[in-house]
């Protein structure tokens, strides 16, 4: 995956790719004190459309508050404008967008109060996170030996950079075992989420998903729940045990990077018919329509980028 681009936005200005650097002694690098977002911009008939931009930027600001920062140097509107500018100036047909707010200096006494907050935005071309074939065939997953963070230990509602060491441990283990994704249990032993996706299962036409207490409140998760409800499906949020996954008619996951993907096998147990089922396919079809600007909710959720200009 190449992450090269023409420009990044850093602390209020566009910077050439090669010059977008931070110092080795940046405390965020040492202590994981930063927050980020993952956003996608898609090609539509009306130009590039950034999917649910406002919600993502608001969650970025919220994450800094959860992490303990008292002041954020930009408004949501300013950062939305910075995202549009960065997308436009790089002129990709489609791209992944990575805003990052991080502790730039101070903080060596293990407090955010002694340091300043830097903010950057990168964009790059990125196809489906789990592979294009996964959109049709689904993927294999296992229950990892690593537990999802306790919500009073690592603040699961914020996309804190340091939190993702947990996901790296789990995903690395699963890949080495020959799977493509890891499913994490919460500290009580119930199903939480995957390393970068929220999880759903289907039984008798009803969609079930874990409650939000131990998991990230995914924006794509909210999208899927809304689209599924629009289609007439009942969606229930309730604790889910791992054995409920094994006997589900379907299991699927969603996230900004992965989009909407079925799990065809979990812990060497075939799920349903071993391929994407009808409910997941219906939701995936709606999701693809909305991100491409061909859905009744597209104008509600897409922020169109039309100015390929370098100007501020």
Protein backbone atom coordinates (compact mmCIF):
# COMPACT_ATOMS: atom_id res chain seq x y z
CA UNK A 1 0.00 0.00 0.00
CA UNK A 2 1.64 3.24 -1.13
CA UNK A 3 0.97 6.24 1.08
CA UNK A 4 2.67 8.81 -1.15
CA UNK A 5 0.84 12.05 -1.92
CA UNK A 6 1.72 15.56 -3.07
CA UNK A 7 0.81 17.39 0.13
CA UNK A 8 -0.19 16.89 3.73
CA UNK A 9 -1.91 19.47 5.91
CA UNK A 10 0.00 20.15 9.12
CA UNK A 11 -0.88 22.71 11.77
CA UNK A 12 -2.72 25.05 9.46
CA UNK A 13 -0.80 24.81 6.20
CA UNK A 14 -0.16 22.46 3.30
CA UNK A 15 3.27 20.83 3.42
CA UNK A 16 5.05 18.86 0.72
CA UNK A 17 5.02 15.13 1.40
CA UNK A 18 8.76 14.87 2.08
CA UNK A 19 8.66 17.77 4.55
CA UNK A 20 5.77 16.47 6.65
CA UNK A 21 7.92 15.21 9.52
CA UNK A 22 8.00 15.19 13.31
CA UNK A 23 11.00 15.08 15.63
CA UNK A 24 12.23 11.82 17.15
CA UNK A 25 11.51 13.25 20.62
CA UNK A 26 7.88 13.99 19.89
CA UNK A 27 6.22 12.53 23.02
CA UNK A 28 3.28 11.08 21.09
CA UNK A 29 5.75 8.69 19.44
CA UNK A 30 7.04 7.49 22.81
CA UNK A 31 3.80 7.30 24.80
CA UNK A 32 1.02 6.86 22.23
CA UNK A 33 -0.54 10.19 23.24
CA UNK A 34 -2.57 11.05 20.17
CA UNK A 35 -5.93 10.48 18.55
CA UNK A 36 -6.84 9.85 14.95
CA UNK A 37 -9.65 9.23 12.49
CA UNK A 38 -10.01 7.10 9.39
CA UNK A 39 -12.21 8.62 6.68
CA UNK A 40 -12.87 7.69 3.05
CA UNK A 41 -13.50 9.86 0.00
CA UNK A 42 -15.27 8.22 -2.93
CA UNK A 43 -15.72 9.03 -6.61
CA UNK A 44 -19.30 10.05 -7.42
CA UNK A 45 -21.06 11.76 -10.32
CA UNK A 46 -20.86 14.99 -8.31
CA UNK A 47 -17.13 14.72 -7.68
CA UNK A 48 -15.37 13.25 -4.70
CA UNK A 49 -17.60 12.73 -1.71
CA UNK A 50 -16.09 12.47 1.78
CA UNK A 51 -18.21 10.06 3.77
CA UNK A 52 -19.67 11.43 7.00
CA UNK A 53 -16.94 14.00 7.36
CA UNK A 54 -18.56 16.06 10.10
CA UNK A 55 -19.16 13.03 12.32
CA UNK A 56 -15.57 11.89 11.94
CA UNK A 57 -14.10 15.28 12.76
CA UNK A 58 -16.42 15.72 15.72
CA UNK A 59 -15.28 12.32 17.03
CA UNK A 60 -11.65 13.43 16.62
CA UNK A 61 -12.34 16.47 18.79
CA UNK A 62 -14.25 14.32 21.27
CA UNK A 63 -11.32 11.89 21.44
CA UNK A 64 -8.95 14.68 22.48
CA UNK A 65 -11.38 15.57 25.25
CA UNK A 66 -11.55 11.95 26.41
CA UNK A 67 -7.74 11.79 26.41
CA UNK A 68 -7.68 14.84 28.66
CA UNK A 69 -6.76 17.79 26.43
CA UNK A 70 -8.60 20.90 27.56
CA UNK A 71 -8.26 22.96 24.42
CA UNK A 72 -8.42 22.05 20.74
CA UNK A 73 -6.76 24.53 18.37
CA UNK A 74 -9.30 24.28 15.51
CA UNK A 75 -13.06 24.25 15.12
CA UNK A 76 -14.85 21.35 13.49
CA UNK A 77 -15.63 23.60 10.52
CA UNK A 78 -11.97 24.57 10.13
CA UNK A 79 -10.83 20.98 10.11
CA UNK A 80 -13.56 19.98 7.67
CA UNK A 81 -12.29 22.70 5.35
CA UNK A 82 -8.72 21.44 5.83
CA UNK A 83 -9.80 17.93 4.84
CA UNK A 84 -11.53 19.19 1.70
CA UNK A 85 -8.46 21.23 0.76
CA UNK A 86 -6.09 18.30 1.30
CA UNK A 87 -8.26 15.93 -0.71
CA UNK A 88 -8.66 18.42 -3.54
CA UNK A 89 -5.02 19.43 -3.89
CA UNK A 90 -3.81 15.82 -4.10
CA UNK A 91 -6.22 15.06 -6.96
CA UNK A 92 -6.72 11.37 -6.26
CA UNK A 93 -9.81 9.80 -7.79
CA UNK A 94 -10.56 8.28 -4.39
CA UNK A 95 -8.60 8.32 -1.16
CA UNK A 96 -8.29 7.38 2.47
CA UNK A 97 -8.01 10.32 4.88
CA UNK A 98 -6.07 10.24 8.15
CA UNK A 99 -6.44 13.20 10.56
CA UNK A 100 -4.15 12.94 13.59
CA UNK A 101 -3.95 15.09 16.70
CA UNK A 102 -0.88 14.40 18.80
CA UNK A 103 1.19 15.63 21.72
CA UNK A 104 3.98 17.60 20.06
CA UNK A 105 6.19 18.63 23.00
CA UNK A 106 6.21 18.52 26.77
CA UNK A 107 4.38 15.65 28.37
CA UNK A 108 7.53 13.88 29.56
CA UNK A 109 6.09 13.93 33.07
CA UNK A 110 3.20 11.81 31.76
CA UNK A 111 0.56 14.52 31.60
CA UNK A 112 -1.08 16.24 28.64
CA UNK A 113 -1.21 19.53 30.52
CA UNK A 114 2.49 20.24 29.93
CA UNK A 115 2.44 19.86 26.16
CA UNK A 116 0.91 21.24 22.99
CA UNK A 117 -1.39 19.58 20.49
CA UNK A 118 -0.34 19.27 16.85
CA UNK A 119 -2.82 18.40 14.12
CA UNK A 120 -2.13 16.89 10.71
CA UNK A 121 -4.11 15.42 7.81
CA UNK A 122 -2.77 12.91 5.31
CA UNK A 123 -4.51 11.36 2.30
CA UNK A 124 -3.50 8.45 0.12
CA UNK A 125 -4.93 6.01 -2.39
CA UNK A 126 -6.21 2.88 -0.69
CA UNK A 127 -8.41 0.07 -1.94
CA UNK A 128 -10.40 -2.20 0.32
CA UNK A 129 -8.54 -2.91 3.56
CA UNK A 130 -9.24 -6.65 3.50
CA UNK A 131 -8.98 -7.10 -0.27
CA UNK A 132 -11.46 -6.71 -3.12
CA UNK A 133 -12.25 -10.44 -3.15
CA UNK A 134 -13.43 -10.17 0.45
CA UNK A 135 -16.33 -7.95 -0.61
CA UNK A 136 -17.84 -10.93 -2.42
CA UNK A 137 -16.46 -14.03 -0.70
CA UNK A 138 -16.07 -12.92 2.89
CA UNK A 139 -13.08 -13.70 5.12
CA UNK A 140 -11.91 -16.16 7.80
CA UNK A 141 -11.52 -15.01 11.41
CA UNK A 142 -10.76 -16.40 14.85
CA UNK A 143 -11.27 -15.45 18.46
CA UNK A 144 -7.94 -13.97 19.51
CA UNK A 145 -6.28 -14.70 22.84
CA UNK A 146 -5.97 -10.93 23.43
CA UNK A 147 -8.84 -9.25 25.28
CA UNK A 148 -10.35 -5.95 24.16
CA UNK A 149 -9.46 -3.08 26.50
CA UNK A 150 -11.50 -2.64 29.66
CA UNK A 151 -13.49 0.60 29.15
CA UNK A 152 -12.09 2.11 32.35
CA UNK A 153 -8.50 1.29 31.41
CA UNK A 154 -8.00 2.65 27.91
CA UNK A 155 -11.12 4.72 27.12
CA UNK A 156 -12.76 2.70 24.34
CA UNK A 157 -14.85 5.56 22.96
CA UNK A 158 -11.78 7.45 21.75
CA UNK A 159 -9.53 6.51 18.83
CA UNK A 160 -6.37 6.88 20.90
CA UNK A 161 -3.22 5.89 19.03
CA UNK A 162 -1.82 3.88 21.95
CA UNK A 163 -5.02 1.79 22.12
CA UNK A 164 -4.15 0.16 18.82
CA UNK A 165 -1.20 -1.81 20.20
CA UNK A 166 -4.02 -4.08 21.43
CA UNK A 167 -5.31 -4.51 17.87
CA UNK A 168 -1.79 -5.04 16.49
CA UNK A 169 -1.16 -7.87 18.95
CA UNK A 170 -4.46 -9.54 18.08
CA UNK A 171 -4.26 -9.09 14.32
CA UNK A 172 -0.64 -10.29 14.15
CA UNK A 173 -1.52 -13.42 16.10
CA UNK A 174 -4.49 -14.20 13.84
CA UNK A 175 -2.57 -13.65 10.62
CA UNK A 176 0.21 -15.95 11.83
CA UNK A 177 -2.44 -18.60 12.53
CA UNK A 178 -3.64 -18.29 8.93
CA UNK A 179 -6.77 -16.17 9.48
CA UNK A 180 -7.52 -12.78 7.97
CA UNK A 181 -9.03 -11.01 10.96
CA UNK A 182 -9.26 -11.32 14.75
CA UNK A 183 -12.40 -11.14 16.88
CA UNK A 184 -11.81 -9.73 20.36
CA UNK A 185 -13.78 -10.52 23.49
CA UNK A 186 -14.43 -7.91 26.15
CA UNK A 187 -13.15 -8.28 29.75
CA UNK A 188 -16.37 -10.12 30.70
CA UNK A 189 -15.87 -12.68 27.92
CA UNK A 190 -18.52 -11.38 25.53
CA UNK A 191 -17.88 -10.53 21.90
CA UNK A 192 -16.62 -6.95 21.52
CA UNK A 193 -15.36 -6.18 18.02
CA UNK A 194 -12.64 -6.99 15.53
CA UNK A 195 -9.28 -5.22 15.42
CA UNK A 196 -10.62 -2.47 13.17
CA UNK A 197 -14.29 -3.25 12.63
CA UNK A 198 -17.58 -3.52 14.49
CA UNK A 199 -19.39 -6.86 14.30
CA UNK A 200 -22.94 -8.01 13.51
CA UNK A 201 -24.60 -11.40 13.39
CA UNK A 202 -27.91 -12.50 11.89
CA UNK A 203 -30.32 -15.07 13.32
CA UNK A 204 -33.76 -15.72 11.86
CA UNK A 205 -33.65 -12.45 9.93
CA UNK A 206 -32.83 -10.32 12.99
CA UNK A 207 -29.54 -8.40 13.11
CA UNK A 208 -27.73 -8.50 16.45
CA UNK A 209 -24.71 -6.43 17.47
CA UNK A 210 -22.81 -6.03 20.76
CA UNK A 211 -23.71 -3.08 22.96
CA UNK A 212 -21.45 -0.04 22.75
CA UNK A 213 -20.11 -0.11 26.33
CA UNK A 214 -16.86 -2.00 25.51
CA UNK A 215 -16.44 -1.00 21.85
CA UNK A 216 -15.76 2.01 19.68
CA UNK A 217 -18.99 3.71 18.60
CA UNK A 218 -18.25 3.23 14.93
CA UNK A 219 -19.59 5.70 12.41
CA UNK A 220 -19.84 2.94 9.83
CA UNK A 221 -21.59 0.87 12.49
CA UNK A 222 -24.17 3.63 12.87
CA UNK A 223 -24.49 3.76 9.08
CA UNK A 224 -25.16 0.02 8.86
CA UNK A 225 -27.76 0.14 11.62
CA UNK A 226 -29.54 3.02 9.88
CA UNK A 227 -29.47 1.37 6.45
CA UNK A 228 -30.58 -1.99 7.84
CA UNK A 229 -33.47 -0.31 9.67
CA UNK A 230 -34.41 1.50 6.44
CA UNK A 231 -34.58 -1.92 4.77
CA UNK A 232 -36.99 -3.14 7.44
CA UNK A 233 -34.62 -5.30 9.48
CA UNK A 234 -34.86 -5.36 13.25
CA UNK A 235 -31.51 -4.46 14.83
CA UNK A 236 -30.88 -5.47 18.46
CA UNK A 237 -27.96 -4.31 20.63
CA UNK A 238 -27.25 -6.94 23.29
CA UNK A 239 -24.36 -8.92 24.80
CA UNK A 240 -23.17 -11.62 22.39
CA UNK A 241 -21.33 -14.79 23.40
CA UNK A 242 -18.73 -16.37 21.13
CA UNK A 243 -20.81 -19.53 20.62
CA UNK A 244 -23.65 -17.39 19.26
CA UNK A 245 -21.31 -16.49 16.40
CA UNK A 246 -20.78 -20.16 15.52
CA UNK A 247 -24.49 -20.88 15.11
CA UNK A 248 -25.45 -17.60 13.43
CA UNK A 249 -26.99 -17.61 9.97
CA UNK A 250 -24.58 -14.83 9.00
CA UNK A 251 -21.80 -12.77 10.55
CA UNK A 252 -20.48 -9.58 9.02
CA UNK A 253 -18.25 -6.69 10.05
CA UNK A 254 -17.99 -3.06 9.06
CA UNK A 255 -15.56 -0.17 9.33
CA UNK A 256 -14.25 2.77 7.34
CA UNK A 257 -11.34 0.78 5.94
CA UNK A 258 -13.06 -2.60 5.59
CA UNK A 259 -16.45 -1.17 4.55
CA UNK A 260 -18.98 -4.06 4.87
CA UNK A 261 -17.56 -7.61 4.78
CA UNK A 262 -18.95 -11.04 5.67
CA UNK A 263 -17.15 -13.57 7.88
CA UNK A 264 -17.49 -16.94 6.19
CA UNK A 265 -15.62 -18.92 8.86
CA UNK A 266 -14.82 -18.39 12.55
CA UNK A 267 -12.51 -20.66 14.54
CA UNK A 268 -12.63 -23.27 11.75
CA UNK A 269 -16.44 -23.31 11.90
CA UNK A 270 -18.29 -22.46 8.70
CA UNK A 271 -20.82 -19.69 9.23
CA UNK A 272 -24.15 -20.24 7.48
CA UNK A 273 -23.46 -21.36 3.93
CA UNK A 274 -19.83 -20.32 4.05
CA UNK A 275 -20.27 -17.17 2.01
CA UNK A 276 -21.93 -13.78 2.17
CA UNK A 277 -25.55 -14.22 3.17
CA UNK A 278 -28.64 -12.34 1.94
CA UNK A 279 -28.86 -9.87 4.83
CA UNK A 280 -25.20 -8.86 4.64
CA UNK A 281 -25.49 -8.62 0.85
CA UNK A 282 -28.53 -6.34 1.12
CA UNK A 283 -26.77 -4.07 3.62
CA UNK A 284 -23.57 -4.07 1.56
CA UNK A 285 -25.54 -3.10 -1.57
CA UNK A 286 -27.13 -0.16 0.24
CA UNK A 287 -23.78 0.88 1.68
CA UNK A 288 -22.11 0.85 -1.73
CA UNK A 289 -24.97 2.90 -3.16
CA UNK A 290 -24.77 5.54 -0.44
CA UNK A 291 -21.00 6.04 -0.68
CA UNK A 292 -21.25 6.36 -4.48
CA UNK A 293 -23.87 9.10 -4.31
CA UNK A 294 -26.68 6.88 -5.60
CA UNK A 295 -28.82 6.62 -2.47
CA UNK A 296 -31.49 8.75 -0.82
CA UNK A 297 -29.15 9.33 2.12
CA UNK A 298 -26.10 10.23 0.01
CA UNK A 299 -26.61 13.98 0.19
CA UNK A 300 -27.03 13.67 3.95
CA UNK A 301 -23.79 11.76 4.43
CA UNK A 302 -21.45 12.84 1.61
CA UNK A 303 -19.46 16.06 1.78
CA UNK A 304 -18.59 16.83 -1.83
CA UNK A 305 -15.14 18.15 -2.76
CA UNK A 306 -15.15 20.35 -5.84
CA UNK A 307 -12.21 22.74 -5.53
CA UNK A 308 -8.92 21.27 -6.85
CA UNK A 309 -7.06 24.37 -5.68
CA UNK A 310 -3.94 25.02 -3.61
CA UNK A 311 -5.28 28.31 -2.31
CA UNK A 312 -6.05 28.67 1.37
